[in-house]
N, C-alpha and C. Protein backbone atom coordinates (compact mmCIF):
# COMPACT_ATOMS: atom_id res chain seq x y z
N MET A 1 -0.46 -16.14 -17.97
CA MET A 1 0.23 -14.64 -18.18
C MET A 1 1.92 -14.94 -17.06
N THR A 2 3.30 -15.09 -17.82
CA THR A 2 4.24 -15.42 -17.57
C THR A 2 4.99 -14.16 -16.73
N ASP A 3 5.70 -14.67 -15.98
CA ASP A 3 6.76 -13.28 -15.17
C ASP A 3 7.38 -12.21 -16.28
N SER A 4 7.45 -12.90 -17.21
CA SER A 4 8.32 -12.08 -18.16
C SER A 4 7.42 -10.88 -18.56
N SER A 5 6.08 -10.94 -18.75
CA SER A 5 5.34 -10.10 -18.64
C SER A 5 5.32 -8.91 -17.76
N PHE A 6 5.78 -9.13 -16.27
CA PHE A 6 5.65 -8.29 -15.42
C PHE A 6 6.94 -7.47 -15.40
N ARG A 7 6.88 -5.84 -15.43
CA ARG A 7 8.46 -5.34 -15.85
C ARG A 7 9.03 -5.41 -14.51
N VAL A 8 8.40 -5.36 -13.34
CA VAL A 8 9.12 -5.52 -11.85
C VAL A 8 9.32 -7.30 -11.59
N GLY A 9 10.73 -7.22 -11.48
CA GLY A 9 11.01 -8.80 -11.22
C GLY A 9 10.58 -9.29 -9.70
N VAL A 10 10.99 -10.28 -9.62
CA VAL A 10 11.08 -10.84 -8.04
C VAL A 10 12.32 -9.94 -6.91
N LYS A 11 13.41 -10.03 -7.57
CA LYS A 11 14.21 -9.17 -6.65
C LYS A 11 13.99 -7.89 -6.30
N ASP A 12 13.51 -7.14 -7.23
CA ASP A 12 13.05 -5.66 -7.41
C ASP A 12 11.87 -5.63 -6.29
N ALA A 13 10.95 -6.72 -6.54
CA ALA A 13 9.59 -6.69 -5.66
C ALA A 13 10.17 -6.50 -4.39
N VAL A 14 11.19 -7.56 -3.97
CA VAL A 14 11.34 -7.91 -2.51
C VAL A 14 12.53 -6.81 -2.17
N LYS A 15 13.23 -5.98 -2.83
CA LYS A 15 13.86 -4.88 -2.42
C LYS A 15 13.07 -3.71 -1.96
N ALA A 16 11.99 -3.49 -2.90
CA ALA A 16 10.97 -2.53 -2.45
C ALA A 16 10.15 -2.94 -1.29
N ALA A 17 9.73 -4.12 -1.13
CA ALA A 17 9.12 -4.63 0.23
C ALA A 17 9.61 -4.28 1.57
N LEU A 18 11.26 -4.53 1.30
CA LEU A 18 11.99 -4.57 2.54
C LEU A 18 12.09 -2.99 2.95
N SER A 19 12.41 -1.95 1.91
CA SER A 19 12.43 -0.61 1.98
C SER A 19 11.17 0.09 2.35
N PHE A 20 10.08 -0.56 1.67
CA PHE A 20 8.93 -0.04 2.72
C PHE A 20 8.50 -0.20 4.19
N ILE A 21 9.06 -1.48 4.15
CA ILE A 21 8.96 -1.84 5.63
C ILE A 21 9.46 -0.98 6.60
N LYS A 22 10.91 -0.57 6.30
CA LYS A 22 11.83 0.17 6.61
C LYS A 22 11.45 1.82 7.10
N GLU A 23 10.75 1.90 6.45
CA GLU A 23 10.14 3.24 6.35
C GLU A 23 9.09 3.50 7.19
N MET A 24 8.11 2.06 7.22
CA MET A 24 6.82 2.16 7.87
C MET A 24 7.29 2.30 9.37
N VAL A 25 8.20 1.74 9.84
CA VAL A 25 8.43 1.23 11.28
C VAL A 25 9.35 2.39 11.96
N ASP A 26 8.97 3.70 11.37
CA ASP A 26 9.81 4.84 11.92
C ASP A 26 11.29 4.86 12.71
N GLY A 27 11.93 4.08 11.86
CA GLY A 27 13.62 4.44 12.13
C GLY A 27 13.64 3.39 13.33
N LYS A 28 12.81 2.47 13.72
CA LYS A 28 12.93 1.44 14.50
C LYS A 28 13.93 0.52 14.04
N PRO A 29 14.79 -0.36 14.99
CA PRO A 29 16.01 -1.04 14.32
C PRO A 29 15.40 -2.06 14.14
N LEU A 30 15.38 -2.62 12.85
CA LEU A 30 14.92 -4.28 12.62
C LEU A 30 15.93 -5.38 12.91
N LYS A 31 15.99 -6.27 13.49
CA LYS A 31 16.46 -7.71 13.93
C LYS A 31 15.78 -8.48 12.88
N ASP A 32 16.94 -9.50 12.48
CA ASP A 32 16.60 -10.75 12.10
C ASP A 32 15.55 -10.69 10.72
N VAL A 33 15.75 -9.87 10.00
CA VAL A 33 14.85 -9.69 8.80
C VAL A 33 14.91 -10.94 7.92
N LEU A 34 13.96 -11.68 7.54
CA LEU A 34 13.65 -12.92 6.69
C LEU A 34 12.66 -12.86 5.79
N LEU A 35 13.13 -12.92 4.63
CA LEU A 35 11.97 -13.10 3.76
C LEU A 35 11.29 -14.29 3.92
N GLU A 36 10.21 -14.32 3.46
CA GLU A 36 9.40 -15.84 4.07
C GLU A 36 9.15 -16.70 2.91
N GLU A 37 8.67 -15.74 1.83
CA GLU A 37 8.16 -16.10 0.48
C GLU A 37 7.94 -15.00 -0.25
N VAL A 38 7.70 -15.41 -1.30
CA VAL A 38 7.13 -14.54 -2.66
C VAL A 38 6.45 -15.02 -3.33
N GLU A 39 5.32 -14.19 -3.63
CA GLU A 39 4.30 -15.22 -4.66
C GLU A 39 3.76 -13.77 -5.53
N LEU A 40 3.88 -14.11 -6.98
CA LEU A 40 3.27 -13.46 -8.12
C LEU A 40 1.83 -13.83 -8.09
N ALA A 41 0.87 -12.73 -7.83
CA ALA A 41 -0.34 -12.66 -7.89
C ALA A 41 -1.01 -12.31 -9.17
N PRO A 42 -1.01 -12.84 -10.31
CA PRO A 42 -1.37 -12.31 -11.73
C PRO A 42 -2.54 -11.80 -11.73
N GLU A 43 -3.74 -12.11 -10.72
CA GLU A 43 -4.98 -11.47 -11.19
C GLU A 43 -4.87 -10.23 -10.29
N ALA A 44 -4.14 -10.10 -9.46
CA ALA A 44 -4.20 -8.93 -9.06
C ALA A 44 -2.93 -7.91 -9.67
N ASP A 45 -2.04 -8.32 -10.22
CA ASP A 45 -0.84 -7.98 -10.98
C ASP A 45 0.12 -6.95 -9.86
N ALA A 46 0.15 -8.09 -8.89
CA ALA A 46 1.05 -7.60 -7.88
C ALA A 46 1.72 -8.98 -7.32
N TRP A 47 2.53 -8.39 -6.59
CA TRP A 47 3.56 -9.40 -5.96
C TRP A 47 3.00 -9.33 -4.29
N LEU A 48 3.54 -10.26 -3.81
CA LEU A 48 2.64 -10.44 -2.26
C LEU A 48 3.86 -10.84 -1.80
N VAL A 49 4.79 -10.16 -0.65
CA VAL A 49 6.17 -10.65 -0.16
C VAL A 49 5.59 -10.61 1.46
N PRO A 50 5.95 -11.77 2.16
CA PRO A 50 5.59 -11.59 3.31
C PRO A 50 6.91 -11.86 3.80
N VAL A 51 7.59 -10.96 4.98
CA VAL A 51 8.17 -10.68 5.71
C VAL A 51 8.56 -11.00 7.33
N GLY A 52 9.50 -11.80 7.69
CA GLY A 52 9.42 -11.53 9.20
C GLY A 52 10.44 -10.61 9.69
N PHE A 53 10.36 -10.18 10.95
CA PHE A 53 11.55 -9.31 11.61
C PHE A 53 11.47 -9.39 13.11
N ALA A 54 12.10 -8.98 13.72
CA ALA A 54 12.16 -8.73 15.11
C ALA A 54 12.22 -7.07 15.46
N LEU A 55 11.50 -6.31 16.46
CA LEU A 55 11.42 -5.17 16.66
C LEU A 55 11.59 -5.22 18.27
N PRO A 56 12.23 -4.22 18.79
CA PRO A 56 12.17 -4.06 20.27
C PRO A 56 10.98 -3.70 21.07
N GLN A 57 10.79 -4.18 22.16
CA GLN A 57 9.20 -4.17 22.70
C GLN A 57 9.55 -2.83 23.51
N GLU A 58 8.41 -2.03 23.34
CA GLU A 58 8.06 -0.91 24.07
C GLU A 58 8.72 -0.84 25.71
N GLU A 59 8.09 -1.67 26.66
CA GLU A 59 8.18 -2.18 27.98
C GLU A 59 9.49 -2.86 28.11
N ALA A 60 10.03 -2.43 29.14
CA ALA A 60 11.42 -2.90 29.71
C ALA A 60 10.95 -4.31 30.10
N VAL A 61 12.15 -5.58 30.25
CA VAL A 61 11.97 -6.62 30.44
C VAL A 61 12.32 -6.82 31.78
N ALA A 62 11.31 -7.61 32.54
CA ALA A 62 11.89 -7.88 33.96
C ALA A 62 13.13 -8.69 34.31
N ASN A 63 13.91 -8.02 35.23
CA ASN A 63 15.11 -8.61 35.36
C ASN A 63 16.32 -8.29 34.69
N ALA A 64 15.95 -7.31 33.63
CA ALA A 64 17.23 -7.55 32.46
C ALA A 64 17.90 -6.47 32.93
N PRO A 65 19.25 -5.88 32.27
CA PRO A 65 19.77 -4.76 32.67
C PRO A 65 19.16 -3.87 32.08
N ALA A 66 19.57 -2.58 33.03
CA ALA A 66 18.63 -1.45 32.91
C ALA A 66 19.12 -0.91 30.93
N GLY A 67 17.97 -0.75 30.11
CA GLY A 67 17.87 -0.36 28.78
C GLY A 67 18.17 -1.45 28.08
N SER A 68 17.70 -2.57 28.55
CA SER A 68 17.86 -3.71 27.82
C SER A 68 16.40 -4.18 27.41
N LYS A 69 16.14 -4.57 26.06
CA LYS A 69 14.52 -4.91 25.63
C LYS A 69 14.30 -5.88 25.22
N LYS A 70 13.50 -6.51 25.57
CA LYS A 70 12.89 -8.18 24.85
C LYS A 70 12.48 -7.36 23.23
N LEU A 71 12.98 -8.72 22.34
CA LEU A 71 12.49 -8.44 20.86
C LEU A 71 11.56 -9.13 20.83
N ARG A 72 10.41 -8.69 19.57
CA ARG A 72 9.15 -9.00 19.35
C ARG A 72 9.14 -9.57 17.69
N ARG A 73 8.71 -11.24 17.76
CA ARG A 73 8.99 -11.24 15.93
C ARG A 73 7.53 -10.78 15.83
N THR A 74 7.94 -10.21 14.28
CA THR A 74 6.58 -9.62 13.90
C THR A 74 6.59 -10.19 12.31
N TYR A 75 5.23 -10.13 11.59
CA TYR A 75 5.06 -10.83 10.08
C TYR A 75 4.44 -9.74 9.51
N LYS A 76 5.00 -9.26 8.39
CA LYS A 76 4.36 -8.48 7.57
C LYS A 76 4.08 -9.01 6.28
N SER A 77 3.31 -8.54 5.50
CA SER A 77 3.02 -9.02 3.89
C SER A 77 2.90 -7.70 3.15
N VAL A 78 3.58 -7.54 2.28
CA VAL A 78 3.69 -6.61 1.84
C VAL A 78 3.27 -6.87 0.07
N THR A 79 2.36 -5.83 -0.27
CA THR A 79 1.81 -6.14 -1.76
C THR A 79 2.59 -5.18 -2.49
N ILE A 80 3.35 -5.31 -3.58
CA ILE A 80 3.98 -4.62 -4.23
C ILE A 80 3.24 -4.67 -5.56
N ASN A 81 2.93 -3.58 -6.49
CA ASN A 81 2.41 -3.65 -7.75
C ASN A 81 3.41 -3.92 -9.03
N ALA A 82 3.04 -5.38 -9.75
CA ALA A 82 4.04 -5.87 -10.49
C ALA A 82 4.34 -5.09 -11.93
N GLN A 83 3.60 -3.96 -11.84
CA GLN A 83 4.03 -3.06 -13.32
C GLN A 83 4.91 -2.08 -12.68
N SER A 84 4.76 -1.23 -11.77
CA SER A 84 5.46 -0.25 -11.32
C SER A 84 6.41 -0.27 -10.01
N GLY A 85 6.14 -1.39 -9.32
CA GLY A 85 7.20 -1.72 -8.15
C GLY A 85 6.46 -0.98 -7.08
N VAL A 86 5.55 -0.10 -6.79
CA VAL A 86 5.14 0.77 -6.06
C VAL A 86 4.35 -0.41 -4.55
N PRO A 87 4.69 0.02 -3.66
CA PRO A 87 4.39 -0.73 -2.56
C PRO A 87 2.68 -0.36 -2.76
N LEU A 88 1.74 -1.22 -2.56
CA LEU A 88 0.37 -0.88 -2.32
C LEU A 88 -0.49 -0.78 -0.78
N ALA A 89 0.16 -2.11 -0.25
CA ALA A 89 -0.33 -2.30 1.30
C ALA A 89 0.64 -3.01 1.80
N MET A 90 0.74 -3.03 3.24
CA MET A 90 1.20 -4.08 4.09
C MET A 90 0.00 -4.43 5.26
N LYS A 91 0.15 -5.48 5.52
CA LYS A 91 -0.93 -6.35 6.21
C LYS A 91 -0.23 -6.97 7.36
N ILE A 92 -0.43 -7.22 8.50
CA ILE A 92 -0.16 -8.08 9.69
C ILE A 92 -0.29 -9.55 8.95
N ARG A 93 0.57 -10.27 8.95
CA ARG A 93 0.54 -11.68 8.37
C ARG A 93 0.23 -12.57 9.59
N GLU A 94 -1.10 -13.01 9.82
CA GLU A 94 -1.14 -14.26 10.76
C GLU A 94 -0.58 -15.42 10.53
N LEU A 95 -0.13 -16.24 11.65
CA LEU A 95 0.69 -17.48 11.37
C LEU A 95 -0.02 -18.68 11.73
């Protein structure tokens, strides 16, 4: 099976994954968003799109100015249906 047999291309799959992640973090500001890799899984008819980003930690940082928060790097892997472009799953990506 080749990439051309899929209706959703890699760029659209990445856009869908990034949009889905932003939706799922409830409006928290994402910092340093990086696409880690993209993989087509033909047996699952899906794109696997791992993304890394930083989120502010909930607890305040010791010895930091009032209101400042430390950023925590997080990695998620989003599965996008290769036919429809609909996000199917988002999992924590272990390093």
